[in-house]
PDB file of N, CA and C in Angstrom:
ATOM      1  N   UNK A   1     116.191 116.191 138.547  1.00  0.00           N
ATOM      2  CA  UNK A   1     115.444 115.571 137.393  1.00  0.00           C
ATOM      3  C   UNK A   1     115.624 114.058 137.110  1.00  0.00           C
ATOM      4  N   UNK A   2     114.499 113.406 137.105  1.00  0.00           N
ATOM      5  CA  UNK A   2     114.753 111.921 136.751  1.00  0.00           C
ATOM      6  C   UNK A   2     114.696 111.880 135.485  1.00  0.00           C
ATOM      7  N   UNK A   3     115.284 110.475 134.979  1.00  0.00           N
ATOM      8  CA  UNK A   3     115.139 110.174 133.402  1.00  0.00           C
ATOM      9  C   UNK A   3     114.095 110.053 132.904  1.00  0.00           C
ATOM     10  N   UNK A   4     112.941 109.426 133.589  1.00  0.00           N
ATOM     11  CA  UNK A   4     111.581 109.416 133.328  1.00  0.00           C
ATOM     12  C   UNK A   4     111.172 110.747 132.713  1.00  0.00           C
ATOM     13  N   UNK A   5     111.272 111.863 133.611  1.00  0.00           N
ATOM     14  CA  UNK A   5     110.967 113.121 133.108  1.00  0.00           C
ATOM     15  C   UNK A   5     111.780 113.601 131.895  1.00  0.00           C
ATOM     16  N   UNK A   6     113.056 113.309 131.905  1.00  0.00           N
ATOM     17  CA  UNK A   6     113.694 113.839 130.741  1.00  0.00           C
ATOM     18  C   UNK A   6     113.304 113.345 129.559  1.00  0.00           C
ATOM     19  N   UNK A   7     112.873 111.742 129.891  1.00  0.00           N
ATOM     20  CA  UNK A   7     112.464 111.215 128.407  1.00  0.00           C
ATOM     21  C   UNK A   7     111.284 111.829 127.978  1.00  0.00           C
ATOM     22  N   UNK A   8     110.303 112.094 128.865  1.00  0.00           N
ATOM     23  CA  UNK A   8     108.963 112.473 128.404  1.00  0.00           C
ATOM     24  C   UNK A   8     109.165 113.958 127.816  1.00  0.00           C
ATOM     25  N   UNK A   9     110.160 114.806 128.274  1.00  0.00           N
ATOM     26  CA  UNK A   9     110.381 115.936 127.935  1.00  0.00           C
ATOM     27  C   UNK A   9     110.834 115.666 126.639  1.00  0.00           C
ATOM     28  N   UNK A  10     111.743 115.301 126.238  1.00  0.00           N
ATOM     29  CA  UNK A  10     112.359 114.774 124.949  1.00  0.00           C
ATOM     30  C   UNK A  10     111.298 114.430 123.918  1.00  0.00           C
ATOM     31  N   UNK A  11     110.326 113.631 124.490  1.00  0.00           N
ATOM     32  CA  UNK A  11     109.094 113.096 123.485  1.00  0.00           C
ATOM     33  C   UNK A  11     108.557 113.958 123.191  1.00  0.00           C
ATOM     34  N   UNK A  12     108.181 114.932 124.134  1.00  0.00           N
ATOM     35  CA  UNK A  12     107.274 116.281 124.021  1.00  0.00           C
ATOM     36  C   UNK A  12     108.066 117.207 122.858  1.00  0.00           C
ATOM     37  N   UNK A  13     109.309 117.267 122.995  1.00  0.00           N
ATOM     38  CA  UNK A  13     109.986 118.277 122.263  1.00  0.00           C
ATOM     39  C   UNK A  13     109.929 117.669 120.838  1.00  0.00           C
ATOM     40  N   UNK A  14     109.968 116.249 120.863  1.00  0.00           N
ATOM     41  CA  UNK A  14     110.110 115.500 119.521  1.00  0.00           C
ATOM     42  C   UNK A  14     108.895 115.893 118.731  1.00  0.00           C
ATOM     43  N   UNK A  15     107.661 115.773 119.385  1.00  0.00           N
ATOM     44  CA  UNK A  15     106.430 115.898 118.792  1.00  0.00           C
ATOM     45  C   UNK A  15     105.988 117.344 118.238  1.00  0.00           C
ATOM     46  N   UNK A  16     106.724 118.264 119.228  1.00  0.00           N
ATOM     47  CA  UNK A  16     106.516 119.454 118.790  1.00  0.00           C
ATOM     48  C   UNK A  16     107.185 119.836 117.435  1.00  0.00           C
ATOM     49  N   UNK A  17     108.594 119.492 117.378  1.00  0.00           N
ATOM     50  CA  UNK A  17     109.320 119.477 116.180  1.00  0.00           C
ATOM     51  C   UNK A  17     108.717 118.931 115.030  1.00  0.00           C
ATOM     52  N   UNK A  18     108.059 117.624 115.129  1.00  0.00           N
ATOM     53  CA  UNK A  18     107.412 116.866 114.222  1.00  0.00           C
ATOM     54  C   UNK A  18     106.334 117.799 113.776  1.00  0.00           C
ATOM     55  N   UNK A  19     105.700 118.176 114.664  1.00  0.00           N
ATOM     56  CA  UNK A  19     104.212 119.018 114.180  1.00  0.00           C
ATOM     57  C   UNK A  19     104.760 120.331 113.510  1.00  0.00           C
ATOM     58  N   UNK A  20     105.776 120.952 113.983  1.00  0.00           N
ATOM     59  CA  UNK A  20     106.219 122.425 113.595  1.00  0.00           C
ATOM     60  C   UNK A  20     106.514 122.072 111.792  1.00  0.00           C
ATOM     61  N   UNK A  21     107.448 120.756 111.658  1.00  0.00           N
ATOM     62  CA  UNK A  21     107.960 120.621 110.362  1.00  0.00           C
ATOM     63  C   UNK A  21     106.886 120.147 109.500  1.00  0.00           C
ATOM     64  N   UNK A  22     105.716 119.509 109.952  1.00  0.00           N
ATOM     65  CA  UNK A  22     104.615 118.838 109.290  1.00  0.00           C
ATOM     66  C   UNK A  22     103.695 120.085 108.602  1.00  0.00           C
ATOM     67  N   UNK A  23     103.825 121.155 109.225  1.00  0.00           N
ATOM     68  CA  UNK A  23     103.045 122.453 108.773  1.00  0.00           C
ATOM     69  C   UNK A  23     103.589 122.633 107.596  1.00  0.00           C
ATOM     70  N   UNK A  24     104.746 122.222 107.181  1.00  0.00           N
ATOM     71  CA  UNK A  24     105.435 122.836 105.810  1.00  0.00           C
ATOM     72  C   UNK A  24     105.633 121.595 105.066  1.00  0.00           C
ATOM     73  N   UNK A  25     105.001 120.651 105.346  1.00  0.00           N
ATOM     74  CA  UNK A  25     105.057 119.102 104.608  1.00  0.00           C
ATOM     75  C   UNK A  25     104.764 119.500 103.039  1.00  0.00           C
ATOM     76  N   UNK A  26     104.034 120.267 102.595  1.00  0.00           N
ATOM     77  CA  UNK A  26     103.874 120.472 101.248  1.00  0.00           C
ATOM     78  C   UNK A  26     105.062 120.907 100.481  1.00  0.00           C
ATOM     79  N   UNK A  27     105.357 121.815 100.955  1.00  0.00           N
ATOM     80  CA  UNK A  27     106.721 122.736 100.519  1.00  0.00           C
ATOM     81  C   UNK A  27     107.735 121.599 100.611  1.00  0.00           C
ATOM     82  N   UNK A  28     108.200 121.029 101.563  1.00  0.00           N
ATOM     83  CA  UNK A  28     109.079 119.786 101.644  1.00  0.00           C
ATOM     84  C   UNK A  28     109.064 118.870 100.355  1.00  0.00           C
ATOM     85  N   UNK A  29     107.736 118.500 100.470  1.00  0.00           N
ATOM     86  CA  UNK A  29     107.455 117.381  99.513  1.00  0.00           C
ATOM     87  C   UNK A  29     107.515 117.929  97.894  1.00  0.00           C
ATOM     88  N   UNK A  30     107.217 119.204  97.918  1.00  0.00           N
ATOM     89  CA  UNK A  30     107.410 119.697  96.380  1.00  0.00           C
ATOM     90  C   UNK A  30     108.616 119.862  95.908  1.00  0.00           C
ATOM     91  N   UNK A  31     109.480 120.243  96.904  1.00  0.00           N
ATOM     92  CA  UNK A  31     110.911 120.258  96.674  1.00  0.00           C
ATOM     93  C   UNK A  31     111.689 118.833  96.476  1.00  0.00           C
ATOM     94  N   UNK A  32     111.249 118.072  96.964  1.00  0.00           N
ATOM     95  CA  UNK A  32     111.724 116.639  97.105  1.00  0.00           C
ATOM     96  C   UNK A  32     111.086 116.103  95.517  1.00  0.00           C
ATOM     97  N   UNK A  33     109.995 116.135  95.274  1.00  0.00           N
ATOM     98  CA  UNK A  33     109.541 115.751  93.984  1.00  0.00           C
ATOM     99  C   UNK A  33     110.059 116.301  92.855  1.00  0.00           C
ATOM    100  N   UNK A  34     110.238 117.657  92.998  1.00  0.00           N
ATOM    101  CA  UNK A  34     111.281 118.221  91.924  1.00  0.00           C
ATOM    102  C   UNK A  34     112.662 117.861  91.756  1.00  0.00           C
ATOM    103  N   UNK A  35     113.172 117.557  92.867  1.00  0.00           N
ATOM    104  CA  UNK A  35     114.572 116.933  92.621  1.00  0.00           C
ATOM    105  C   UNK A  35     114.389 115.472  91.982  1.00  0.00           C
ATOM    106  N   UNK A  36     113.624 114.792  92.395  1.00  0.00           N
ATOM    107  CA  UNK A  36     113.684 113.504  91.637  1.00  0.00           C
ATOM    108  C   UNK A  36     113.135 113.418  90.630  1.00  0.00           C
ATOM    109  N   UNK A  37     112.334 114.483  89.830  1.00  0.00           N
ATOM    110  CA  UNK A  37     111.921 114.424  88.455  1.00  0.00           C
ATOM    111  C   UNK A  37     112.702 115.197  87.651  1.00  0.00           C
ATOM    112  N   UNK A  38     113.877 115.674  88.405  1.00  0.00           N
ATOM    113  CA  UNK A  38     114.678 116.372  87.443  1.00  0.00           C
ATOM    114  C   UNK A  38     114.100 118.013  87.074  1.00  0.00           C
ATOM    115  N   UNK A  39     113.102 118.380  87.818  1.00  0.00           N
ATOM    116  CA  UNK A  39     112.529 119.832  87.609  1.00  0.00           C
ATOM    117  C   UNK A  39     113.543 120.862  88.061  1.00  0.00           C
ATOM    118  N   UNK A  40     114.364 120.498  89.157  1.00  0.00           N
ATOM    119  CA  UNK A  40     115.289 121.474  89.751  1.00  0.00           C
ATOM    120  C   UNK A  40     116.594 120.671  89.943  1.00  0.00           C
ATOM    121  N   UNK A  41     117.716 121.294  89.946  1.00  0.00           N
ATOM    122  CA  UNK A  41     119.139 120.639  90.086  1.00  0.00           C
ATOM    123  C   UNK A  41     119.266 120.620  91.578  1.00  0.00           C
ATOM    124  N   UNK A  42     120.423 119.694  91.883  1.00  0.00           N
ATOM    125  CA  UNK A  42     120.879 119.793  93.348  1.00  0.00           C
ATOM    126  C   UNK A  42     121.035 121.037  94.068  1.00  0.00           C
ATOM    127  N   UNK A  43     121.578 121.803  93.403  1.00  0.00           N
ATOM    128  CA  UNK A  43     122.203 123.178  93.810  1.00  0.00           C
ATOM    129  C   UNK A  43     120.805 123.937  94.524  1.00  0.00           C
ATOM    130  N   UNK A  44     119.604 123.954  93.416  1.00  0.00           N
ATOM    131  CA  UNK A  44     118.368 124.645  93.704  1.00  0.00           C
ATOM    132  C   UNK A  44     117.712 123.955  94.834  1.00  0.00           C
ATOM    133  N   UNK A  45     117.909 122.553  94.821  1.00  0.00           N
ATOM    134  CA  UNK A  45     116.988 121.730  95.976  1.00  0.00           C
ATOM    135  C   UNK A  45     117.878 122.114  97.396  1.00  0.00           C
ATOM    136  N   UNK A  46     119.015 122.111  97.490  1.00  0.00           N
ATOM    137  CA  UNK A  46     119.794 122.444  98.436  1.00  0.00           C
ATOM    138  C   UNK A  46     119.533 123.709  99.234  1.00  0.00           C
ATOM    139  N   UNK A  47     119.508 124.853  98.454  1.00  0.00           N
ATOM    140  CA  UNK A  47     119.088 126.072  98.937  1.00  0.00           C
ATOM    141  C   UNK A  47     117.613 126.178  99.526  1.00  0.00           C
ATOM    142  N   UNK A  48     116.680 125.617  98.659  1.00  0.00           N
ATOM    143  CA  UNK A  48     115.359 125.640  99.239  1.00  0.00           C
ATOM    144  C   UNK A  48     115.090 124.920 100.189  1.00  0.00           C
ATOM    145  N   UNK A  49     115.620 123.550  99.980  1.00  0.00           N
ATOM    146  CA  UNK A  49     115.261 122.581 101.427  1.00  0.00           C
ATOM    147  C   UNK A  49     115.984 123.262 102.631  1.00  0.00           C
ATOM    148  N   UNK A  50     117.067 123.785 102.643  1.00  0.00           N
ATOM    149  CA  UNK A  50     117.612 124.271 103.612  1.00  0.00           C
ATOM    150  C   UNK A  50     117.062 125.713 104.078  1.00  0.00           C
ATOM    151  N   UNK A  51     116.589 126.481 103.471  1.00  0.00           N
ATOM    152  CA  UNK A  51     115.841 127.745 103.711  1.00  0.00           C
ATOM    153  C   UNK A  51     114.459 127.069 104.702  1.00  0.00           C
ATOM    154  N   UNK A  52     113.979 126.285 104.091  1.00  0.00           N
ATOM    155  CA  UNK A  52     112.994 125.732 104.903  1.00  0.00           C
ATOM    156  C   UNK A  52     112.939 125.122 105.911  1.00  0.00           C
ATOM    157  N   UNK A  53     114.164 124.113 105.797  1.00  0.00           N
ATOM    158  CA  UNK A  53     114.643 123.446 107.193  1.00  0.00           C
ATOM    159  C   UNK A  53     114.901 124.442 108.405  1.00  0.00           C
ATOM    160  N   UNK A  54     115.695 125.500 108.073  1.00  0.00           N
ATOM    161  CA  UNK A  54     116.026 126.762 108.949  1.00  0.00           C
ATOM    162  C   UNK A  54     114.818 127.187 109.350  1.00  0.00           C
ATOM    163  N   UNK A  55     113.894 127.757 108.730  1.00  0.00           N
ATOM    164  CA  UNK A  55     112.746 128.335 108.883  1.00  0.00           C
ATOM    165  C   UNK A  55     111.985 127.645 110.114  1.00  0.00           C
ATOM    166  N   UNK A  56     111.852 126.087 109.606  1.00  0.00           N
ATOM    167  CA  UNK A  56     111.149 125.350 110.896  1.00  0.00           C
ATOM    168  C   UNK A  56     111.866 125.318 112.162  1.00  0.00           C
ATOM    169  N   UNK A  57     113.386 125.290 111.943  1.00  0.00           N
ATOM    170  CA  UNK A  57     114.020 125.055 113.345  1.00  0.00           C
ATOM    171  C   UNK A  57     114.015 126.579 113.920  1.00  0.00           C
ATOM    172  N   UNK A  58     113.897 127.751 113.327  1.00  0.00           N
ATOM    173  CA  UNK A  58     113.681 128.785 114.031  1.00  0.00           C
ATOM    174  C   UNK A  58     112.472 128.941 114.704  1.00  0.00           C
ATOM    175  N   UNK A  59     111.186 128.397 113.913  1.00  0.00           N
ATOM    176  CA  UNK A  59     110.010 128.512 114.496  1.00  0.00           C
ATOM    177  C   UNK A  59     110.140 127.459 115.882  1.00  0.00           C
ATOM    178  N   UNK A  60     110.768 126.274 115.901  1.00  0.00           N
ATOM    179  CA  UNK A  60     110.876 125.503 116.930  1.00  0.00           C
ATOM    180  C   UNK A  60     111.538 126.190 118.198  1.00  0.00           C
ATOM    181  N   UNK A  61     112.515 126.987 117.649  1.00  0.00           N
ATOM    182  CA  UNK A  61     113.459 128.004 118.832  1.00  0.00           C
ATOM    183  C   UNK A  61     112.416 128.961 119.468  1.00  0.00           C
ATOM    184  N   UNK A  62     111.688 129.400 118.760  1.00  0.00           N
ATOM    185  CA  UNK A  62     110.754 130.586 119.500  1.00  0.00           C
ATOM    186  C   UNK A  62     109.814 129.652 120.283  1.00  0.00           C
ATOM    187  N   UNK A  63     109.134 128.442 119.794  1.00  0.00           N
ATOM    188  CA  UNK A  63     108.203 127.725 120.945  1.00  0.00           C
ATOM    189  C   UNK A  63     108.806 127.345 122.229  1.00  0.00           C
ATOM    190  N   UNK A  64     110.212 126.888 122.053  1.00  0.00           N
ATOM    191  CA  UNK A  64     110.760 126.372 123.224  1.00  0.00           C
ATOM    192  C   UNK A  64     110.961 127.529 124.371  1.00  0.00           C
ATOM    193  N   UNK A  65     111.204 128.660 123.662  1.00  0.00           N
ATOM    194  CA  UNK A  65     111.587 129.795 124.637  1.00  0.00           C
ATOM    195  C   UNK A  65     110.183 130.290 125.239  1.00  0.00           C
ATOM    196  N   UNK A  66     108.790 129.967 124.773  1.00  0.00           N
ATOM    197  CA  UNK A  66     107.489 130.421 125.379  1.00  0.00           C
ATOM    198  C   UNK A  66     106.780 129.020 125.658  1.00  0.00           C
ATOM    199  N   UNK A  67     106.992 128.722 126.818  1.00  0.00           N
ATOM    200  CA  UNK A  67     106.082 127.502 127.335  1.00  0.00           C
ATOM    201  C   UNK A  67     104.647 127.626 126.914  1.00  0.00           C
ATOM    202  N   UNK A  68     103.983 128.853 127.224  1.00  0.00           N
ATOM    203  CA  UNK A  68     102.564 129.106 126.720  1.00  0.00           C
ATOM    204  C   UNK A  68     101.997 128.606 125.460  1.00  0.00           C
ATOM    205  N   UNK A  69     103.125 129.013 124.587  1.00  0.00           N
ATOM    206  CA  UNK A  69     102.614 128.849 123.065  1.00  0.00           C
ATOM    207  C   UNK A  69     102.806 127.212 122.914  1.00  0.00           C
ATOM    208  N   UNK A  70     103.848 126.632 123.283  1.00  0.00           N
ATOM    209  CA  UNK A  70     103.926 125.318 123.142  1.00  0.00           C
ATOM    210  C   UNK A  70     102.659 124.317 123.877  1.00  0.00           C
ATOM    211  N   UNK A  71     102.257 124.988 124.874  1.00  0.00           N
ATOM    212  CA  UNK A  71     100.878 124.300 125.406  1.00  0.00           C
ATOM    213  C   UNK A  71      99.746 124.345 124.551  1.00  0.00           C
ATOM    214  N   UNK A  72      99.713 125.402 123.698  1.00  0.00           N
ATOM    215  CA  UNK A  72      98.524 125.668 123.142  1.00  0.00           C
ATOM    216  C   UNK A  72      98.642 125.371 121.636  1.00  0.00           C
ATOM    217  N   UNK A  73      99.835 124.786 121.158  1.00  0.00           N
ATOM    218  CA  UNK A  73     100.134 124.217 119.890  1.00  0.00           C
ATOM    219  C   UNK A  73      99.527 122.822 119.627  1.00  0.00           C
ATOM    220  N   UNK A  74      98.756 122.734 118.481  1.00  0.00           N
ATOM    221  CA  UNK A  74      98.113 121.487 118.336  1.00  0.00           C
ATOM    222  C   UNK A  74      99.174 120.568 117.722  1.00  0.00           C
ATOM    223  N   UNK A  75      99.525 119.621 118.454  1.00  0.00           N
ATOM    224  CA  UNK A  75     100.267 118.492 118.015  1.00  0.00           C
ATOM    225  C   UNK A  75      99.728 117.616 116.834  1.00  0.00           C
ATOM    226  N   UNK A  76     100.210 117.170 115.896  1.00  0.00           N
ATOM    227  CA  UNK A  76      99.629 116.521 114.794  1.00  0.00           C
ATOM    228  C   UNK A  76     100.244 114.806 114.992  1.00  0.00           C
ATOM    229  N   UNK A  77      99.393 113.967 115.421  1.00  0.00           N
ATOM    230  CA  UNK A  77      99.952 112.381 115.446  1.00  0.00           C
ATOM    231  C   UNK A  77     100.524 111.869 114.064  1.00  0.00           C
ATOM    232  N   UNK A  78      99.858 112.416 112.880  1.00  0.00           N
ATOM    233  CA  UNK A  78     100.239 111.937 111.715  1.00  0.00           C
ATOM    234  C   UNK A  78     101.802 112.380 111.381  1.00  0.00           C
ATOM    235  N   UNK A  79     102.327 113.376 112.236  1.00  0.00           N
ATOM    236  CA  UNK A  79     103.594 114.271 111.891  1.00  0.00           C
ATOM    237  C   UNK A  79     104.556 113.388 112.500  1.00  0.00           C
ATOM    238  N   UNK A  80     104.327 112.444 113.403  1.00  0.00           N
ATOM    239  CA  UNK A  80     105.375 111.662 114.215  1.00  0.00           C
ATOM    240  C   UNK A  80     106.454 110.795 113.012  1.00  0.00           C
ATOM    241  N   UNK A  81     107.614 111.591 113.497  1.00  0.00           N
ATOM    242  CA  UNK A  81     108.869 111.205 112.687  1.00  0.00           C
ATOM    243  C   UNK A  81     109.210 111.941 111.706  1.00  0.00           C
ATOM    244  N   UNK A  82     108.393 112.900 111.034  1.00  0.00           N
ATOM    245  CA  UNK A  82     108.897 113.595 110.120  1.00  0.00           C
ATOM    246  C   UNK A  82     109.751 114.369 109.994  1.00  0.00           C
ATOM    247  N   UNK A  83     110.278 115.227 111.267  1.00  0.00           N
ATOM    248  CA  UNK A  83     111.334 116.204 111.474  1.00  0.00           C
ATOM    249  C   UNK A  83     112.520 115.155 111.188  1.00  0.00           C
ATOM    250  N   UNK A  84     112.589 114.088 111.832  1.00  0.00           N
ATOM    251  CA  UNK A  84     113.686 113.077 111.624  1.00  0.00           C
ATOM    252  C   UNK A  84     114.088 112.834 110.364  1.00  0.00           C
ATOM    253  N   UNK A  85     113.023 112.580 109.575  1.00  0.00           N
ATOM    254  CA  UNK A  85     113.334 112.250 108.152  1.00  0.00           C
ATOM    255  C   UNK A  85     113.769 113.525 107.277  1.00  0.00           C
ATOM    256  N   UNK A  86     113.336 114.553 107.377  1.00  0.00           N
ATOM    257  CA  UNK A  86     113.424 115.817 106.760  1.00  0.00           C
ATOM    258  C   UNK A  86     115.134 116.325 107.117  1.00  0.00           C
ATOM    259  N   UNK A  87     115.299 115.932 108.471  1.00  0.00           N
ATOM    260  CA  UNK A  87     116.575 116.354 109.105  1.00  0.00           C
ATOM    261  C   UNK A  87     117.727 115.317 108.288  1.00  0.00           C
ATOM    262  N   UNK A  88     117.202 114.184 108.468  1.00  0.00           N
ATOM    263  CA  UNK A  88     118.304 113.140 107.580  1.00  0.00           C
ATOM    264  C   UNK A  88     118.561 113.689 106.107  1.00  0.00           C
ATOM    265  N   UNK A  89     117.506 114.241 105.396  1.00  0.00           N
ATOM    266  CA  UNK A  89     117.877 114.670 104.058  1.00  0.00           C
ATOM    267  C   UNK A  89     118.829 115.839 104.195  1.00  0.00           C
ATOM    268  N   UNK A  90     118.573 116.659 105.172  1.00  0.00           N
ATOM    269  CA  UNK A  90     119.344 117.924 105.288  1.00  0.00           C
ATOM    270  C   UNK A  90     120.800 117.622 105.764  1.00  0.00           C
ATOM    271  N   UNK A  91     120.834 116.573 106.647  1.00  0.00           N
ATOM    272  CA  UNK A  91     122.439 116.071 106.958  1.00  0.00           C
ATOM    273  C   UNK A  91     123.134 115.693 105.624  1.00  0.00           C
ATOM    274  N   UNK A  92     122.353 115.154 104.728  1.00  0.00           N
ATOM    275  CA  UNK A  92     122.992 114.533 103.427  1.00  0.00           C
ATOM    276  C   UNK A  92     123.825 115.883 102.646  1.00  0.00           C
ATOM    277  N   UNK A  93     123.499 116.954 102.865  1.00  0.00           N
ATOM    278  CA  UNK A  93     123.948 117.858 102.287  1.00  0.00           C
ATOM    279  C   UNK A  93     125.524 118.260 102.694  1.00  0.00           C
ATOM    280  N   UNK A  94     125.506 117.956 104.018  1.00  0.00           N
ATOM    281  CA  UNK A  94     127.056 117.968 104.567  1.00  0.00           C
ATOM    282  C   UNK A  94     127.758 116.773 104.040  1.00  0.00           C
ATOM    283  N   UNK A  95     127.401 115.469 103.904  1.00  0.00           N
ATOM    284  CA  UNK A  95     127.935 114.375 103.326  1.00  0.00           C
ATOM    285  C   UNK A  95     128.265 114.693 101.843  1.00  0.00           C
ATOM    286  N   UNK A  96     127.353 115.248 101.254  1.00  0.00           N
ATOM    287  CA  UNK A  96     127.901 115.555  99.845  1.00  0.00           C
ATOM    288  C   UNK A  96     129.050 116.563  99.632  1.00  0.00           C
ATOM    289  N   UNK A  97     128.767 117.615 100.671  1.00  0.00           N
ATOM    290  CA  UNK A  97     130.020 118.645 100.418  1.00  0.00           C
ATOM    291  C   UNK A  97     131.254 117.798 100.662  1.00  0.00           C
ATOM    292  N   UNK A  98     131.294 116.967 101.687  1.00  0.00           N
ATOM    293  CA  UNK A  98     132.601 116.510 101.902  1.00  0.00           C
ATOM    294  C   UNK A  98     132.854 115.220 101.018  1.00  0.00           C
ATOM    295  N   UNK A  99     132.186 115.103 100.018  1.00  0.00           N
ATOM    296  CA  UNK A  99     132.306 114.262  98.946  1.00  0.00           C
ATOM    297  C   UNK A  99     132.400 112.927  99.263  1.00  0.00           C
ATOM    298  N   UNK A 100     131.520 112.536 100.420  1.00  0.00           N
ATOM    299  CA  UNK A 100     131.317 110.951 100.720  1.00  0.00           C
ATOM    300  C   UNK A 100     130.203 110.404 100.075  1.00  0.00           C
ATOM    301  N   UNK A 101     129.564 111.197  99.272  1.00  0.00           N
ATOM    302  CA  UNK A 101     128.478 110.577  98.521  1.00  0.00           C
ATOM    303  C   UNK A 101     128.247 111.340  97.087  1.00  0.00           C
ATOM    304  N   UNK A 102     127.529 110.815  96.233  1.00  0.00           N
ATOM    305  CA  UNK A 102     127.449 111.731  95.040  1.00  0.00           C
ATOM    306  C   UNK A 102     125.815 112.097  95.157  1.00  0.00           C
ATOM    307  N   UNK A 103     125.674 113.046  94.161  1.00  0.00           N
ATOM    308  CA  UNK A 103     124.398 113.701  93.824  1.00  0.00           C
ATOM    309  C   UNK A 103     123.378 112.653  93.440  1.00  0.00           C
ATOM    310  N   UNK A 104     123.718 111.701  92.971  1.00  0.00           N
ATOM    311  CA  UNK A 104     122.936 110.623  92.626  1.00  0.00           C
ATOM    312  C   UNK A 104     122.356 109.998  93.598  1.00  0.00           C
ATOM    313  N   UNK A 105     123.210 109.547  94.700  1.00  0.00           N
ATOM    314  CA  UNK A 105     123.097 108.820  95.917  1.00  0.00           C
ATOM    315  C   UNK A 105     121.912 109.537  96.783  1.00  0.00           C
ATOM    316  N   UNK A 106     122.302 111.015  96.703  1.00  0.00           N
ATOM    317  CA  UNK A 106     121.254 111.818  97.586  1.00  0.00           C
ATOM    318  C   UNK A 106     120.003 111.998  97.060  1.00  0.00           C
ATOM    319  N   UNK A 107     119.833 111.901  95.677  1.00  0.00           N
ATOM    320  CA  UNK A 107     118.731 111.943  95.032  1.00  0.00           C
ATOM    321  C   UNK A 107     117.969 110.530  95.301  1.00  0.00           C
ATOM    322  N   UNK A 108     118.520 109.470  95.438  1.00  0.00           N
ATOM    323  CA  UNK A 108     117.967 108.547  95.648  1.00  0.00           C
ATOM    324  C   UNK A 108     117.554 108.279  96.977  1.00  0.00           C
ATOM    325  N   UNK A 109     118.345 108.961  97.970  1.00  0.00           N
ATOM    326  CA  UNK A 109     118.211 108.946  99.392  1.00  0.00           C
ATOM    327  C   UNK A 109     116.470 109.442  99.673  1.00  0.00           C
ATOM    328  N   UNK A 110     116.577 110.775  98.799  1.00  0.00           N
ATOM    329  CA  UNK A 110     115.318 111.749  99.015  1.00  0.00           C
ATOM    330  C   UNK A 110     114.074 110.971  98.393  1.00  0.00           C
ATOM    331  N   UNK A 111     114.505 110.161  97.224  1.00  0.00           N
ATOM    332  CA  UNK A 111     113.243 109.309  96.494  1.00  0.00           C
ATOM    333  C   UNK A 111     112.673 108.214  97.537  1.00  0.00           C
ATOM    334  N   UNK A 112     113.712 107.544  98.296  1.00  0.00           N
ATOM    335  CA  UNK A 112     113.128 106.590  99.322  1.00  0.00           C
ATOM    336  C   UNK A 112     112.539 107.325 100.280  1.00  0.00           C
ATOM    337  N   UNK A 113     112.788 108.394 100.834  1.00  0.00           N
ATOM    338  CA  UNK A 113     112.229 109.090 102.015  1.00  0.00           C
ATOM    339  C   UNK A 113     110.886 109.586 101.216  1.00  0.00           C
ATOM    340  N   UNK A 114     110.715 110.059 100.285  1.00  0.00           N
ATOM    341  CA  UNK A 114     109.699 110.491  99.605  1.00  0.00           C
ATOM    342  C   UNK A 114     108.651 109.164  99.581  1.00  0.00           C
ATOM    343  N   UNK A 115     109.040 108.251  99.190  1.00  0.00           N
ATOM    344  CA  UNK A 115     108.065 107.218  99.047  1.00  0.00           C
ATOM    345  C   UNK A 115     107.633 106.634 100.396  1.00  0.00           C
ATOM    346  N   UNK A 116     108.525 106.863 101.487  1.00  0.00           N
ATOM    347  CA  UNK A 116     108.170 106.300 102.817  1.00  0.00           C
ATOM    348  C   UNK A 116     107.013 107.443 103.476  1.00  0.00           C
ATOM    349  N   UNK A 117     107.093 108.592 103.005  1.00  0.00           N
ATOM    350  CA  UNK A 117     106.127 109.577 103.743  1.00  0.00           C
ATOM    351  C   UNK A 117     105.030 109.739 102.748  1.00  0.00           C
ATOM    352  N   UNK A 118     105.022 109.331 101.358  1.00  0.00           N
ATOM    353  CA  UNK A 118     103.842 109.478 100.490  1.00  0.00           C
ATOM    354  C   UNK A 118     102.532 108.942 101.257  1.00  0.00           C
ATOM    355  N   UNK A 119     102.295 107.799 101.764  1.00  0.00           N
ATOM    356  CA  UNK A 119     101.033 107.560 102.328  1.00  0.00           C
ATOM    357  C   UNK A 119     100.410 108.470 103.366  1.00  0.00           C
ATOM    358  N   UNK A 120     101.168 109.234 103.870  1.00  0.00           N
ATOM    359  CA  UNK A 120     100.724 110.161 105.141  1.00  0.00           C
ATOM    360  C   UNK A 120     100.554 111.428 104.553  1.00  0.00           C
ATOM    361  N   UNK A 121     100.863 111.920 103.591  1.00  0.00           N
ATOM    362  CA  UNK A 121     100.664 113.259 103.217  1.00  0.00           C
ATOM    363  C   UNK A 121      99.342 113.553 102.375  1.00  0.00           C
TER     364      UNK A 121
END
């Protein structure tokens, strides 16, 4: 395999992941909005967000096992980078667990990402 092929493959995988996560953009966005407006607490946010993240990852795994499904899945150009942003939030839970940041810092981080994605939703 050439590195060009690997690069194209990883780009396609990334586009697929972005599109899978994008299908749930409203759910992710509602959870983020509820956290930053104090409608839910951090624990509720972590549970809901994690379940949604894992659901998206499970769907991605089923696609990668079935190349025919991947070929027929509509990729959404508006979704570019969405999976990375959502995953960055998901990774903050681990940082919070190890007390390397505070709940306030995670909430601010979520607020910043929410502002970043708002124009695309």
